[in-house]
Every structure is written in C-alpha cells, then in structure tokens.
Protein backbone atom coordinates (compact mmCIF):
# COMPACT_ATOMS: atom_id res chain seq x y z
CA UNK A 1 -64.38 -85.28 65.45
CA UNK A 2 -64.14 -82.92 68.42
CA UNK A 3 -61.07 -81.26 66.76
CA UNK A 4 -63.66 -80.69 63.72
CA UNK A 5 -66.45 -79.47 65.31
CA UNK A 6 -64.05 -76.72 67.24
CA UNK A 7 -62.70 -75.77 63.53
CA UNK A 8 -66.30 -74.95 62.52
CA UNK A 9 -67.41 -72.76 65.67
CA UNK A 10 -64.07 -71.19 65.04
CA UNK A 11 -65.27 -70.77 61.02
CA UNK A 12 -68.97 -69.45 62.17
CA UNK A 13 -67.90 -67.20 64.92
CA UNK A 14 -65.57 -65.37 62.24
CA UNK A 15 -68.34 -65.63 59.50
CA UNK A 16 -70.62 -63.74 61.99
CA UNK A 17 -68.16 -60.89 62.91
CA UNK A 18 -67.16 -60.30 58.95
CA UNK A 19 -70.78 -59.87 57.90
CA UNK A 20 -72.31 -58.22 60.72
CA UNK A 21 -72.50 -54.84 59.18
CA UNK A 22 -74.50 -55.98 56.46
CA UNK A 23 -78.21 -54.73 55.72
CA UNK A 24 -81.39 -56.75 56.21
CA UNK A 25 -84.10 -57.63 58.62
CA UNK A 26 -82.07 -59.13 60.98
CA UNK A 27 -78.15 -58.58 61.34
CA UNK A 28 -76.38 -60.83 63.64
CA UNK A 29 -77.03 -64.85 65.04
CA UNK A 30 -74.91 -66.47 67.06
CA UNK A 31 -72.28 -69.48 66.21
CA UNK A 32 -73.90 -71.75 69.02
CA UNK A 33 -72.81 -74.87 69.54
CA UNK A 34 -72.39 -77.24 66.64
CA UNK A 35 -73.08 -80.54 69.20
CA UNK A 36 -76.08 -79.06 70.58
CA UNK A 37 -78.78 -77.22 68.92
CA UNK A 38 -82.34 -77.19 67.53
CA UNK A 39 -81.86 -76.51 63.88
CA UNK A 40 -85.34 -75.26 61.26
CA UNK A 41 -84.60 -76.14 57.92
CA UNK A 42 -86.44 -74.85 54.49
CA UNK A 43 -86.48 -77.02 51.90
CA UNK A 44 -88.13 -77.08 48.12
CA UNK A 45 -90.64 -79.87 48.77
CA UNK A 46 -91.55 -81.42 45.26
CA UNK A 47 -93.08 -84.53 44.47
CA UNK A 48 -89.59 -86.39 44.52
CA UNK A 49 -87.84 -84.16 47.40
CA UNK A 50 -90.96 -84.61 49.91
CA UNK A 51 -90.74 -84.28 53.83
CA UNK A 52 -89.76 -87.35 54.16
CA UNK A 53 -86.90 -87.57 51.74
CA UNK A 54 -85.34 -85.10 53.86
CA UNK A 55 -86.08 -86.57 56.96
CA UNK A 56 -84.30 -89.52 55.93
CA UNK A 57 -81.45 -87.69 54.42
CA UNK A 58 -80.04 -85.73 57.41
CA UNK A 59 -81.73 -88.45 59.74
CA UNK A 60 -77.42 -90.36 59.79
CA UNK A 61 -76.35 -86.63 60.85
CA UNK A 62 -78.96 -86.65 63.56
CA UNK A 63 -78.07 -90.25 64.56
CA UNK A 64 -74.43 -89.11 64.80
CA UNK A 65 -75.19 -85.95 66.23
CA UNK A 66 -77.37 -86.71 69.62
CA UNK A 67 -77.26 -83.61 70.59
CA UNK A 68 -78.78 -81.74 67.37
CA UNK A 69 -82.23 -82.47 66.15
CA UNK A 70 -83.68 -80.80 62.75
CA UNK A 71 -86.93 -79.89 61.62
CA UNK A 72 -87.83 -80.17 57.99
CA UNK A 73 -90.14 -76.60 56.91
CA UNK A 74 -92.18 -76.75 53.48
CA UNK A 75 -92.49 -73.11 51.79
CA UNK A 76 -96.09 -71.63 52.93
CA UNK A 77 -95.53 -68.87 50.65
CA UNK A 78 -95.27 -69.11 46.45
CA UNK A 79 -91.68 -70.73 47.16
CA UNK A 80 -88.40 -71.02 49.33
CA UNK A 81 -87.38 -67.48 48.45
CA UNK A 82 -90.66 -65.92 49.25
CA UNK A 83 -91.53 -67.68 52.74
CA UNK A 84 -88.28 -66.90 53.52
CA UNK A 85 -88.52 -63.17 53.29
CA UNK A 86 -91.48 -63.75 55.29
CA UNK A 87 -89.90 -65.37 57.97
CA UNK A 88 -87.04 -63.10 57.88
CA UNK A 89 -89.84 -59.78 58.55
CA UNK A 90 -91.03 -62.30 61.08
CA UNK A 91 -88.04 -62.20 63.02
CA UNK A 92 -88.29 -66.52 62.71
CA UNK A 93 -85.81 -67.27 60.41
CA UNK A 94 -84.68 -70.86 59.56
CA UNK A 95 -81.10 -71.84 59.82
CA UNK A 96 -80.35 -73.52 56.99
CA UNK A 97 -81.99 -72.93 53.70
CA UNK A 98 -82.15 -74.85 50.19
CA UNK A 99 -83.99 -73.54 46.93
CA UNK A 100 -83.71 -70.61 44.15
CA UNK A 101 -83.04 -67.64 45.92
CA UNK A 102 -82.21 -64.41 44.51
CA UNK A 103 -78.41 -62.19 44.82
CA UNK A 104 -80.17 -59.82 46.68
CA UNK A 105 -81.41 -62.24 49.27
CA UNK A 106 -77.15 -62.68 50.20
CA UNK A 107 -77.42 -60.02 52.49
CA UNK A 108 -79.74 -62.28 54.78
CA UNK A 109 -77.19 -65.25 54.44
CA UNK A 110 -74.22 -66.00 55.76
CA UNK A 111 -70.29 -66.29 53.40
CA UNK A 112 -69.60 -69.74 53.33
CA UNK A 113 -65.70 -70.53 54.73
CA UNK A 114 -63.24 -70.09 51.87
CA UNK A 115 -62.36 -73.53 52.27
CA UNK A 116 -61.56 -76.22 49.98
CA UNK A 117 -64.79 -78.55 50.38
CA UNK A 118 -67.37 -75.35 49.73
CA UNK A 119 -65.28 -74.52 46.57
CA UNK A 120 -65.21 -78.37 45.02
CA UNK A 121 -68.94 -77.95 45.82
CA UNK A 122 -71.17 -77.34 41.96
CA UNK A 123 -71.68 -73.92 41.48
CA UNK A 124 -70.31 -72.23 44.56
CA UNK A 125 -68.17 -70.50 42.88
CA UNK A 126 -70.21 -69.26 40.81
CA UNK A 127 -72.47 -68.07 43.31
CA UNK A 128 -70.15 -65.94 44.32
CA UNK A 129 -71.56 -62.32 44.47
CA UNK A 130 -69.06 -59.38 45.89
CA UNK A 131 -66.28 -62.28 46.42
CA UNK A 132 -68.19 -64.19 48.90
CA UNK A 133 -69.59 -67.84 48.18
CA UNK A 134 -72.85 -68.07 50.62
CA UNK A 135 -74.54 -71.42 48.50
CA UNK A 136 -73.18 -74.59 47.72
CA UNK A 137 -75.25 -77.47 46.47
CA UNK A 138 -74.71 -81.14 46.25
CA UNK A 139 -74.40 -81.73 42.07
CA UNK A 140 -75.01 -80.27 38.73
CA UNK A 141 -78.93 -80.26 37.77
CA UNK A 142 -79.41 -80.09 34.31
CA UNK A 143 -82.60 -78.28 32.56
CA UNK A 144 -83.54 -77.50 29.00
CA UNK A 145 -84.54 -80.75 28.38
CA UNK A 146 -87.44 -82.39 26.18
CA UNK A 147 -88.43 -85.45 26.54
CA UNK A 148 -90.48 -87.27 24.53
CA UNK A 149 -93.06 -90.43 23.62
CA UNK A 150 -90.78 -93.23 21.45
CA UNK A 151 -93.88 -94.54 19.87
CA UNK A 152 -95.75 -91.05 19.41
CA UNK A 153 -92.62 -89.91 17.27
CA UNK A 154 -92.51 -92.91 15.77
CA UNK A 155 -96.48 -93.05 14.76
CA UNK A 156 -95.72 -89.62 13.41
CA UNK A 157 -93.23 -90.76 11.13
CA UNK A 158 -90.68 -88.47 12.79
CA UNK A 159 -86.57 -89.88 12.55
CA UNK A 160 -84.73 -87.86 13.85
CA UNK A 161 -84.90 -85.73 16.59
CA UNK A 162 -85.15 -81.81 16.59
CA UNK A 163 -82.22 -79.29 16.33
CA UNK A 164 -83.65 -76.00 15.52
CA UNK A 165 -86.54 -74.51 17.52
CA UNK A 166 -88.38 -74.84 13.64
CA UNK A 167 -87.64 -78.04 13.72
CA UNK A 168 -89.36 -79.04 16.96
CA UNK A 169 -92.36 -76.43 15.51
CA UNK A 170 -92.63 -78.52 12.50
CA UNK A 171 -92.42 -81.90 14.81
CA UNK A 172 -95.10 -80.80 16.89
CA UNK A 173 -97.45 -79.72 13.91
CA UNK A 174 -96.63 -83.58 12.94
CA UNK A 175 -97.71 -84.94 16.24
CA UNK A 176 -100.53 -82.98 16.82
CA UNK A 177 -101.47 -84.93 13.62
CA UNK A 178 -101.08 -88.15 15.04
CA UNK A 179 -103.78 -87.80 17.53
CA UNK A 180 -101.27 -86.40 20.16
CA UNK A 181 -101.15 -83.11 22.21
CA UNK A 182 -97.95 -81.76 20.62
CA UNK A 183 -96.28 -80.31 24.07
CA UNK A 184 -97.12 -80.57 27.86
CA UNK A 185 -97.58 -77.61 29.68
CA UNK A 186 -99.63 -76.45 32.65
CA UNK A 187 -100.22 -73.35 35.08
CA UNK A 188 -98.36 -72.71 38.60
CA UNK A 189 -94.74 -72.18 38.27
CA UNK A 190 -94.52 -74.73 34.84
CA UNK A 191 -94.96 -72.25 32.29
CA UNK A 192 -92.60 -69.86 32.78
CA UNK A 193 -90.03 -72.27 34.02
CA UNK A 194 -90.40 -73.65 30.34
CA UNK A 195 -90.10 -70.82 28.57
CA UNK A 196 -86.94 -70.00 30.73
CA UNK A 197 -85.77 -73.59 28.94
CA UNK A 198 -86.36 -72.66 25.93
CA UNK A 199 -84.87 -68.78 26.18
CA UNK A 200 -81.82 -69.60 28.46
CA UNK A 201 -80.25 -72.08 26.18
CA UNK A 202 -80.81 -69.84 23.10
CA UNK A 203 -79.93 -66.15 25.05
CA UNK A 204 -77.23 -67.25 26.73
CA UNK A 205 -75.40 -69.19 24.30
CA UNK A 206 -74.01 -66.07 22.65
CA UNK A 207 -73.65 -64.03 26.14
CA UNK A 208 -73.39 -66.20 28.81
CA UNK A 209 -73.29 -63.56 31.44
CA UNK A 210 -76.70 -62.02 30.14
CA UNK A 211 -78.08 -61.49 33.89
CA UNK A 212 -75.08 -59.33 34.46
CA UNK A 213 -74.98 -57.24 31.58
CA UNK A 214 -79.17 -56.63 32.02
CA UNK A 215 -78.52 -55.98 35.46
CA UNK A 216 -76.06 -52.80 34.36
CA UNK A 217 -78.98 -52.00 31.13
CA UNK A 218 -76.57 -52.88 28.73
CA UNK A 219 -79.15 -54.83 26.96
CA UNK A 220 -82.69 -56.15 26.95
CA UNK A 221 -85.36 -58.85 26.84
CA UNK A 222 -87.40 -56.75 24.10
CA UNK A 223 -84.23 -56.35 22.45
CA UNK A 224 -82.69 -59.97 22.30
CA UNK A 225 -83.64 -63.42 21.41
CA UNK A 226 -85.89 -63.89 24.05
CA UNK A 227 -88.60 -62.22 21.16
CA UNK A 228 -88.37 -65.07 18.96
CA UNK A 229 -88.11 -67.78 21.50
CA UNK A 230 -92.01 -66.42 23.06
CA UNK A 231 -93.26 -65.67 18.99
CA UNK A 232 -91.98 -69.42 18.81
CA UNK A 233 -94.11 -70.38 21.38
CA UNK A 234 -97.05 -67.98 21.32
CA UNK A 235 -97.69 -69.66 18.00
CA UNK A 236 -97.42 -72.79 19.20
CA UNK A 237 -100.35 -71.77 21.62
CA UNK A 238 -102.33 -70.55 18.65
CA UNK A 239 -101.48 -73.72 16.27
CA UNK A 240 -103.43 -75.39 18.96
CA UNK A 241 -99.83 -77.44 20.30
CA UNK A 242 -100.28 -77.10 23.65
CA UNK A 243 -103.25 -78.23 25.82
CA UNK A 244 -106.67 -76.43 25.27
CA UNK A 245 -106.82 -76.28 29.32
CA UNK A 246 -103.43 -75.46 30.43
CA UNK A 247 -103.81 -73.24 32.98
CA UNK A 248 -106.21 -74.65 34.41
CA UNK A 249 -103.54 -77.53 34.70
CA UNK A 250 -101.37 -78.32 37.82
CA UNK A 251 -97.62 -79.64 37.50
CA UNK A 252 -98.92 -83.47 39.14
CA UNK A 253 -101.58 -83.13 35.80
CA UNK A 254 -98.80 -82.43 33.39
CA UNK A 255 -96.69 -84.96 34.94
CA UNK A 256 -99.91 -87.58 34.75
CA UNK A 257 -100.83 -86.67 31.16
CA UNK A 258 -97.74 -87.51 29.51
CA UNK A 259 -96.62 -90.38 31.77
CA UNK A 260 -100.06 -91.88 29.81
CA UNK A 261 -99.21 -91.39 26.51
CA UNK A 262 -101.50 -88.55 26.32
CA UNK A 263 -99.32 -85.58 25.51
CA UNK A 264 -95.81 -86.30 23.12
CA UNK A 265 -93.51 -83.86 24.46
CA UNK A 266 -92.82 -82.53 27.45
CA UNK A 267 -89.92 -79.52 28.46
CA UNK A 268 -88.48 -80.27 31.73
CA UNK A 269 -85.89 -80.49 33.92
CA UNK A 270 -83.44 -83.55 34.93
CA UNK A 271 -85.19 -83.90 37.90
CA UNK A 272 -87.78 -85.78 35.99
CA UNK A 273 -86.16 -88.84 35.19
CA UNK A 274 -86.66 -90.57 38.20
CA UNK A 275 -90.44 -90.24 37.75
CA UNK A 276 -90.58 -91.15 34.32
CA UNK A 277 -88.54 -94.24 35.36
CA UNK A 278 -90.87 -95.01 38.23
CA UNK A 279 -93.85 -94.95 36.19
CA UNK A 280 -95.86 -97.62 34.60
CA UNK A 281 -96.46 -96.76 31.08
CA UNK A 282 -96.67 -98.24 27.60
CA UNK A 283 -93.96 -96.35 26.13
CA UNK A 284 -90.59 -95.71 26.28
CA UNK A 285 -89.55 -92.74 27.19
CA UNK A 286 -86.84 -90.44 25.23
CA UNK A 287 -84.85 -87.14 25.57
CA UNK A 288 -82.65 -84.46 23.71
CA UNK A 289 -81.62 -81.15 23.99
CA UNK A 290 -83.99 -77.88 23.92
CA UNK A 291 -82.64 -76.87 20.20
CA UNK A 292 -81.46 -73.67 19.53
CA UNK A 293 -82.90 -70.97 16.78
CA UNK A 294 -80.67 -71.64 14.20
CA UNK A 295 -79.96 -75.71 14.31
CA UNK A 296 -76.25 -75.18 16.10
CA UNK A 297 -75.29 -77.54 18.98
CA UNK A 298 -77.39 -76.19 21.85
CA UNK A 299 -75.35 -75.65 25.70
CA UNK A 300 -76.41 -76.98 28.60
CA UNK A 301 -78.77 -74.87 31.14
CA UNK A 302 -77.89 -76.02 34.47
CA UNK A 303 -77.94 -74.88 38.11
CA UNK A 304 -76.94 -76.59 41.82
CA UNK A 305 -79.18 -79.19 42.39
CA UNK A 306 -80.53 -78.71 46.43
CA UNK A 307 -78.63 -75.90 47.02
CA UNK A 308 -77.76 -75.29 50.96
CA UNK A 309 -76.92 -71.99 52.25
CA UNK A 310 -76.98 -70.69 55.79
CA UNK A 311 -79.08 -67.62 57.12
CA UNK A 312 -77.36 -64.94 58.41
CA UNK A 313 -79.57 -64.47 61.69
CA UNK A 314 -79.67 -68.51 62.83
CA UNK A 315 -78.59 -68.57 66.19
CA UNK A 316 -77.09 -71.55 65.34
CA UNK A 317 -74.30 -71.05 62.90
CA UNK A 318 -71.23 -73.52 63.56
CA UNK A 319 -74.67 -76.59 63.51
CA UNK A 320 -75.65 -75.34 60.47
CA UNK A 321 -72.47 -74.98 58.80
CA UNK A 322 -71.57 -78.62 59.76
CA UNK A 323 -74.55 -80.16 58.63
CA UNK A 324 -74.51 -77.83 55.23
CA UNK A 325 -70.89 -79.43 55.11
CA UNK A 326 -72.73 -82.59 56.03
CA UNK A 327 -75.03 -82.82 53.34
CA UNK A 328 -72.22 -81.57 49.82
CA UNK A 329 -69.64 -83.03 51.00
CA UNK A 330 -70.47 -86.88 52.58
CA UNK A 331 -70.83 -89.66 49.95
CA UNK A 332 -74.22 -91.79 50.79
CA UNK A 333 -76.12 -88.19 51.94
CA UNK A 334 -74.38 -86.49 47.93
CA UNK A 335 -75.87 -89.99 46.63
CA UNK A 336 -79.01 -90.39 47.77
CA UNK A 337 -79.61 -86.54 46.69
CA UNK A 338 -78.40 -87.04 43.31
CA UNK A 339 -79.87 -90.56 42.79
CA UNK A 340 -83.09 -88.54 43.97
CA UNK A 341 -83.62 -86.20 40.81
CA UNK A 342 -81.30 -87.95 38.47
CA UNK A 343 -78.36 -85.37 38.86
CA UNK A 344 -74.82 -85.68 38.42
CA UNK A 345 -71.49 -85.01 39.82
CA UNK A 346 -68.20 -85.78 39.44
CA UNK A 347 -66.42 -88.63 41.56
CA UNK A 348 -70.22 -89.24 43.06
CA UNK A 349 -71.98 -92.48 40.99
CA UNK A 350 -74.62 -94.66 41.02
CA UNK A 351 -76.94 -97.14 39.23
CA UNK A 352 -78.51 -94.97 36.01
CA UNK A 353 -81.19 -95.85 34.33
CA UNK A 354 -81.08 -95.99 30.34
CA UNK A 355 -82.95 -92.28 30.53
CA UNK A 356 -79.99 -90.79 32.51
CA UNK A 357 -77.92 -92.03 30.70
CA UNK A 358 -79.40 -89.90 27.53
CA UNK A 359 -79.18 -86.95 29.93
CA UNK A 360 -75.73 -87.62 30.59
CA UNK A 361 -74.20 -88.16 27.13
CA UNK A 362 -76.23 -84.72 26.19
CA UNK A 363 -74.02 -83.09 29.12
CA UNK A 364 -71.27 -84.71 27.73
CA UNK A 365 -71.64 -83.53 24.21
CA UNK A 366 -72.88 -79.97 25.00
CA UNK A 367 -70.65 -77.31 23.67
CA UNK A 368 -71.03 -75.43 26.78
CA UNK A 369 -72.71 -74.53 29.90
CA UNK A 370 -74.95 -72.00 30.95
CA UNK A 371 -76.89 -70.87 34.21
CA UNK A 372 -80.71 -71.91 34.03
CA UNK A 373 -83.45 -69.78 35.31
CA UNK A 374 -82.68 -67.06 37.15
CA UNK A 375 -78.86 -67.10 36.60
CA UNK A 376 -76.09 -67.55 39.87
CA UNK A 377 -74.77 -65.37 41.96
CA UNK A 378 -73.86 -61.61 40.38
CA UNK A 379 -75.23 -62.89 36.82
CA UNK A 380 -78.79 -63.37 38.01
CA UNK A 381 -81.90 -61.93 38.54
CA UNK A 382 -83.52 -59.68 41.12
CA UNK A 383 -85.62 -61.92 43.63
CA UNK A 384 -89.18 -62.27 42.26
CA UNK A 385 -87.93 -62.71 38.33
CA UNK A 386 -88.97 -66.35 38.29
CA UNK A 387 -92.28 -65.30 39.38
CA UNK A 388 -93.54 -62.27 37.80
CA UNK A 389 -91.44 -63.71 34.44
CA UNK A 390 -94.26 -66.77 35.01
CA UNK A 391 -97.06 -64.62 35.25
CA UNK A 392 -96.16 -61.97 32.29
CA UNK A 393 -95.73 -65.16 30.08
CA UNK A 394 -99.08 -67.05 31.04
CA UNK A 395 -100.27 -63.68 29.22
CA UNK A 396 -99.37 -65.10 25.90
CA UNK A 397 -102.38 -67.52 26.39
CA UNK A 398 -104.72 -64.20 26.69
CA UNK A 399 -103.31 -63.47 23.22
CA UNK A 400 -101.00 -60.42 24.56
CA UNK A 401 -97.97 -60.08 21.89
CA UNK A 402 -94.85 -61.22 22.27
CA UNK A 403 -93.52 -57.74 22.51
CA UNK A 404 -95.75 -56.32 25.10
CA UNK A 405 -95.13 -58.82 27.47
CA UNK A 406 -91.05 -58.44 27.04
CA UNK A 407 -91.27 -54.64 27.64
CA UNK A 408 -93.50 -55.28 30.59
CA UNK A 409 -90.46 -57.59 31.88
CA UNK A 410 -87.83 -55.48 31.06
CA UNK A 411 -89.55 -52.55 32.71
CA UNK A 412 -89.72 -54.55 36.00
CA UNK A 413 -86.41 -55.78 35.81
CA UNK A 414 -85.21 -52.01 35.50
CA UNK A 415 -87.11 -51.01 38.64
CA UNK A 416 -85.82 -54.54 40.50
CA UNK A 417 -82.83 -54.67 39.83
CA UNK A 418 -79.47 -53.40 42.03
C-alpha cells in the first residue's frame, strides 16, 4: 500500500510540472500527501445522487485512509460547471469535481496519467483534449431513451413502438385522444436536455464528430437536422402534446406526473431507471430508443456516468488522484455508482431490473454510439452550451420559430467556440 501511494505522489508531481504553464484562474497546485489531506468534492446532486450517496460512496476509502477526510459540496450556481468557475475565481477550488464540463474548462484541470487504469475508465480516451486525458467515469450512461406507460399505449391502441419521429408524433396524438398528457417535460434544465436527446441521435448518427466540425465553422445548427428536430418539437407544443404548464414545472414534478400515470411518455436518460423501479405505480414502464427522422436504427447517445476530474489548483493532488482511482476502479465503489443510476460497464455486474434489461437490450442492439449532451473532449461544445441551448429552446414555448432559435444558438456558439 505504501509503495502504491508513493507512485501516486510521483505521478501527481510530474503532472503539476507538465501542466503548470497553461492559463487559468490558478495555474499551480501542490502534490500534497496521499495519506494526509482534507479533500473537497464538488459533485452533481440529483434525486438519486444525493449528498448522502456520495458520503456513503467515499466512506470505505476514508475508513482505509484515516488521514484523509472528504467533504461533499453541491453546486451553488446553476450547475457544477458554473459553480466550479465561481470557486476558481474566488480562489477556493475543490480538489475533485464530478459533472458535465466543457473542453474550455480543461486548462483548470490536471491531466490524468497515461496509465491503463485511466484508459480503461469509460470515455477517458474520448475526453482527450490536445492529446491529454482529464476525466474518467465510472460507467456508461445511456441517454436518448423514451420511457412509456405500457397501459397507456394499450389503451390508445399502440401495438408497436415508434421507429421514426413521425411515428412518435402520431403515437402522441393517439395518446392525447386516450386522455393522457402525451409526453412529459418541464422547465429547469429538462427542456433543453430532452431536445438534445432527440437531436444528438439524428445529427451525430451521420456526423459523429459534429461538434468538432461546428467548432471549426464547417457546419451549423440552422443548416443541419437540428432544424427538423426543433420543428418536430414545436409541433408537439402547438398540438398540445406537452403539458400546458410545462415551463412552470420542475424536474421532480415531471417525474411525479409520469409515475402517477398522468403522462404517457418521458424522454430521459438511463438514470431514470432506478427511480421508476422504486416508485409505487399502477402500470408497467417500458422503454425504447429515441427514434430517428428517417426510421433507420437509432444509435445510442451516451456519456460517462459520474465522471471525475482533479483540479489543477488543488493543494492535495496526490490524495485527489488516489481517491479518483478508487472511484473508477474499486469493484464495490463502481458497482454502487452503476446501480444508483442503472448504468453499465463491462466487467461490473449487479442484479438488474426488467426495465434495466430493456435498456441493456437497446444498447446491445444499437448500430453505433454517439456522444450525448454537449459532447466529449475535442468533439464537444464550449462551456455554457447546455444552459444557453436550454434557454433558447424554451423560446419554442413562446412561439419563437425554430429557425430563429437555431440562428441564435449558432450566434452564441460562434462567439464562444475556441
């Protein structure tokens, strides 16, 4: 154990030497001690990934390393990325951060060592920016899924799951006729995330490096399949296929309404599986992949689940790196992380529910995998993209035209791409 700790200290010291010259709020940190440190973790908190979840997750590590203490911090700004920027600017950065981060945040993070345990972590290789890995996840998080109320589908006479977006629209119309809110959404971050789930599989299926192309102005939102996706979504709004009070609802409201049987479908990521499984409900939940525009088999959109990074300005780099290694390699820790959100990783198994097995079947049957949300590594959008996309897409509820929304997204993107 002492030998392993010495290696971590050496790796951290080398990383600091290699990275101390790049820009940012704070350029340098310290290796510190791998066995004596007070670590701060900035994490993404959700109804499933609570502060208690993270405290329980790291407890076996702190029990085995009595000189290391860990404090869990939830975002105090809009999200993890925005909170990280505030903390960096204030000179009070966390040691480890877990959440969706843009590639222009990379100068504030420590490059992870070129070791096999890092390369084996899901999406670590895809996270490379300028050749360096800076993020490692615990598993594969599947997005672009449509959860549905099987009883509602039966009542509406829908016997097969939709294969194209046109098929999905037709099914939603039938569900409205059967007395249901056809598809559940809400305000907060949900609107934009759902439209991204509809869009990524229809844009990146033919251009997997689409974000990299957009970063070089070789493509645009307005001139891509994003237009058809937004036109489809606004059609749902105008036909009353989304809740009338959607923008006044919170994410938890959306979950509650779907699980209460009031709405018939819910576009969401695989992390919804444990919530659906644990809920007391009067119907069975099924799931299918977000359909494509032309009805061709849909790729799976995914990203790393519970991804971890070390901040460059951390004064406890050795301990932070050692804890990160534990979080992405320890069998019990990884299994706990996977099970919490119903995620997957080769070589790590847990008792799966029927719904989780349906998601697994979608993954195994998909023709390809594309990045979800704002992308990964060099193939990713600028920091702030998700928030800006969400804000502008919500304009569809104010009768803004899809073309206008997309031009605004393009304008923001061009101004912020580096």
